[in-house]
Amino acid sequence: MDWMVAHFAELVFFYLAGIAVIGAACVLIFRSPINAALALLCTFLAIAGLFVLAHAELLAAVQVLVYAGGIMVLFLFAIMLVNVRVLPEQPQFMRKLLPFVVPAAGALAALLLVAIWGVGHLPLGDLAALTSVEGVAAGNTEAVSWSLFMQYLLPFEVVSIVLLVAIIGAIVLGRKETPGEGA
């Protein structure tokens, strides 16, 4: 039964890795900014799935919230604010680069196969044993939060104050003066 679970996890890994690589390639290939942004979103979600497989649930949540949520909203607003229909037509770059891209892709595929074969023969051990709180096995999120709030509390608070000052500075600089105000 453990053999089936290990191979299922391996299949899910290769499936998500393939989605991430294909999505990243589509970001470069698609000419439409909307399609490229959707391919980037697909890549972000596949990477979040890879984080879950690596037992890094906190990183997966941050990946979905920050990148798939915040950055994609920023990209879509930028795409909507720029009138892409006015841009001049440009020839596709892939036709010129095709003789160089095909051998490079073949070399990358060969390198990837060698890496996959090598990883399959390495004893990786138990990943859950790497996350512990005071010698007791804990989840990834618990281990990160314990370390953050016990060992690194002062740097955490200093960074929060620096970010607060940056936000206040951005508000002051971005604020428009009303006609009645003097400088």
Protein backbone atom coordinates (compact mmCIF):
# COMPACT_ATOMS: atom_id res chain seq x y z
CA MET A 1 0.00 0.00 0.00
CA ASP A 2 2.88 2.40 0.77
CA TRP A 3 4.23 1.72 -2.70
CA MET A 4 0.98 2.93 -4.27
CA VAL A 5 0.90 6.09 -2.16
CA ALA A 6 4.51 6.92 -3.02
CA HIS A 7 3.92 6.41 -6.73
CA PHE A 8 0.67 8.38 -6.61
CA ALA A 9 2.50 11.29 -4.97
CA GLU A 10 5.20 11.02 -7.62
CA LEU A 11 2.60 11.10 -10.41
CA VAL A 12 0.90 14.13 -8.85
CA PHE A 13 4.29 15.85 -8.60
CA PHE A 14 5.08 15.29 -12.29
CA TYR A 15 1.56 16.37 -13.27
CA LEU A 16 1.82 19.63 -11.29
CA ALA A 17 5.39 20.25 -12.47
CA GLY A 18 4.27 19.76 -16.06
CA ILE A 19 1.41 22.21 -15.59
CA ALA A 20 3.82 24.75 -14.09
CA VAL A 21 6.32 24.41 -16.94
CA ILE A 22 3.66 24.49 -19.66
CA GLY A 23 1.96 27.48 -18.00
CA ALA A 24 5.28 29.35 -17.80
CA ALA A 25 5.97 28.60 -21.46
CA CYS A 26 2.49 29.80 -22.39
CA VAL A 27 3.15 33.10 -20.60
CA LEU A 28 6.00 33.64 -23.05
CA ILE A 29 4.20 32.34 -26.13
CA PHE A 30 0.72 33.88 -25.80
CA ARG A 31 0.37 37.24 -27.50
CA SER A 32 -2.79 38.24 -25.66
CA PRO A 33 -2.00 39.73 -22.23
CA ILE A 34 -5.19 38.26 -20.77
CA ASN A 35 -4.28 34.75 -21.90
CA ALA A 36 -0.73 35.21 -20.61
CA ALA A 37 -2.08 36.35 -17.23
CA LEU A 38 -4.35 33.29 -17.02
CA ALA A 39 -1.40 31.03 -17.87
CA LEU A 40 0.60 32.73 -15.12
CA LEU A 41 -2.26 32.11 -12.68
CA CYS A 42 -2.24 28.43 -13.68
CA THR A 43 1.52 28.34 -13.03
CA PHE A 44 1.10 29.94 -9.59
CA LEU A 45 -1.57 27.42 -8.58
CA ALA A 46 0.52 24.47 -9.79
CA ILE A 47 3.47 25.72 -7.73
CA ALA A 48 1.20 25.99 -4.70
CA GLY A 49 0.26 22.34 -5.26
CA LEU A 50 3.96 21.45 -5.36
CA PHE A 51 4.42 23.20 -2.01
CA VAL A 52 1.60 21.09 -0.55
CA LEU A 53 3.31 17.92 -1.80
CA ALA A 54 6.52 19.06 -0.08
CA HIS A 55 4.61 19.43 3.23
CA ALA A 56 5.03 23.22 3.14
CA GLU A 57 1.41 24.18 3.68
CA LEU A 58 2.27 27.69 4.85
CA LEU A 59 4.21 28.40 1.66
CA ALA A 60 1.32 27.03 -0.40
CA ALA A 61 -1.13 29.34 1.37
CA VAL A 62 1.19 32.31 0.89
CA GLN A 63 1.61 31.36 -2.78
CA VAL A 64 -2.14 31.36 -3.33
CA LEU A 65 -2.87 34.49 -1.29
CA VAL A 66 0.04 36.69 -2.36
CA TYR A 67 0.82 35.58 -5.89
CA ALA A 68 -2.34 34.01 -7.25
CA GLY A 69 -4.47 36.59 -5.44
CA GLY A 70 -2.65 39.88 -5.09
CA ILE A 71 -0.17 39.87 -7.95
CA MET A 72 -2.70 38.58 -10.46
CA VAL A 73 -5.17 41.31 -9.47
CA LEU A 74 -2.38 43.83 -10.00
CA PHE A 75 -1.56 42.35 -13.41
CA LEU A 76 -5.19 42.36 -14.49
CA PHE A 77 -5.64 45.98 -13.43
CA ALA A 78 -2.51 46.94 -15.36
CA ILE A 79 -3.75 45.04 -18.42
CA MET A 80 -7.17 46.67 -18.21
CA LEU A 81 -5.70 50.16 -17.84
CA VAL A 82 -3.42 49.82 -20.86
CA ASN A 83 -5.19 49.91 -24.19
CA VAL A 84 -3.56 46.91 -25.84
CA ARG A 85 -5.49 47.30 -29.10
CA VAL A 86 -3.60 50.47 -29.96
CA LEU A 87 -0.23 48.72 -29.83
CA PRO A 88 1.35 48.20 -33.25
CA GLU A 89 1.41 44.71 -34.68
CA GLN A 90 4.76 43.04 -34.16
CA PRO A 91 6.03 39.92 -35.90
CA GLN A 92 6.07 36.81 -33.80
CA PHE A 93 9.45 36.24 -32.23
CA MET A 94 9.09 32.47 -32.19
CA ARG A 95 9.59 32.10 -35.94
CA LYS A 96 13.01 33.69 -35.79
CA LEU A 97 14.10 31.84 -32.68
CA LEU A 98 12.69 28.42 -33.56
CA PRO A 99 16.03 26.98 -34.81
CA PHE A 100 17.60 27.89 -31.46
CA VAL A 101 14.67 27.01 -29.20
CA VAL A 102 14.20 23.40 -30.36
CA PRO A 103 17.77 22.22 -29.55
CA ALA A 104 17.71 24.15 -26.26
CA ALA A 105 14.40 22.52 -25.31
CA GLY A 106 15.79 19.09 -26.19
CA ALA A 107 18.88 19.69 -24.04
CA LEU A 108 16.70 20.90 -21.17
CA ALA A 109 14.47 17.83 -21.47
CA ALA A 110 17.52 15.55 -21.38
CA LEU A 111 18.87 17.38 -18.34
CA LEU A 112 15.48 17.08 -16.65
CA LEU A 113 15.35 13.33 -17.32
CA VAL A 114 18.84 12.88 -15.86
CA ALA A 115 17.82 14.89 -12.79
CA ILE A 116 14.63 12.86 -12.33
CA TRP A 117 16.55 9.61 -12.64
CA GLY A 118 19.12 10.82 -10.08
CA VAL A 119 16.50 11.97 -7.56
CA GLY A 120 14.78 8.61 -7.75
CA HIS A 121 17.95 6.94 -6.45
CA LEU A 122 18.65 9.31 -3.55
CA PRO A 123 17.55 8.44 -0.01
CA LEU A 124 15.55 11.54 0.92
CA GLY A 125 14.35 10.37 4.32
CA ASP A 126 11.31 11.61 6.21
CA LEU A 127 10.46 15.24 5.50
CA ALA A 128 8.16 15.45 8.54
CA ALA A 129 11.12 14.87 10.88
CA LEU A 130 12.67 18.13 9.67
CA THR A 131 9.93 20.26 11.26
CA SER A 132 9.91 20.00 15.01
CA VAL A 133 9.14 22.31 17.91
CA GLU A 134 11.28 21.66 20.99
CA GLY A 135 11.95 18.11 19.84
CA VAL A 136 8.28 17.27 19.18
CA ALA A 137 7.21 16.72 15.58
CA ALA A 138 4.96 19.54 14.43
CA GLY A 139 3.34 20.75 11.27
CA ASN A 140 5.14 23.14 8.98
CA THR A 141 2.98 26.12 9.90
CA GLU A 142 3.40 25.51 13.62
CA ALA A 143 7.18 25.19 13.29
CA VAL A 144 7.46 28.40 11.26
CA SER A 145 5.23 30.38 13.62
CA TRP A 146 7.02 29.05 16.70
CA SER A 147 10.37 30.07 15.27
CA LEU A 148 9.05 33.45 14.12
CA PHE A 149 7.44 34.44 17.40
CA MET A 150 10.05 32.97 19.76
CA GLN A 151 13.46 33.33 18.14
CA TYR A 152 12.84 36.17 15.69
CA LEU A 153 10.28 38.32 17.51
CA LEU A 154 12.36 41.51 17.56
CA PRO A 155 13.26 41.45 13.82
CA PHE A 156 9.62 40.62 13.06
CA GLU A 157 8.43 43.69 14.96
CA VAL A 158 11.11 45.91 13.41
CA VAL A 159 10.04 44.85 9.91
CA SER A 160 6.39 45.56 10.79
CA ILE A 161 7.33 49.10 11.91
CA VAL A 162 9.38 49.69 8.73
CA LEU A 163 6.43 48.54 6.60
CA LEU A 164 4.07 50.80 8.54
CA VAL A 165 6.37 53.79 7.94
CA ALA A 166 6.55 52.89 4.22
CA ILE A 167 2.74 52.74 3.98
CA ILE A 168 2.35 56.11 5.71
CA GLY A 169 5.05 57.60 3.44
CA ALA A 170 3.28 56.28 0.33
CA ILE A 171 -0.01 57.80 1.50
CA VAL A 172 1.63 61.18 2.18
CA LEU A 173 3.44 61.21 -1.18
CA GLY A 174 0.39 60.03 -3.10
CA ARG A 175 -2.03 62.45 -1.51
CA LYS A 176 -3.16 65.27 -3.79
CA GLU A 177 -3.15 68.78 -2.44
CA THR A 178 -6.46 70.61 -2.54
CA PRO A 179 -6.46 74.09 -4.11
CA GLY A 180 -6.94 75.81 -0.72
CA GLU A 181 -3.88 74.17 0.85
CA GLY A 182 -0.49 75.81 0.85
CA ALA A 183 2.76 73.95 0.56
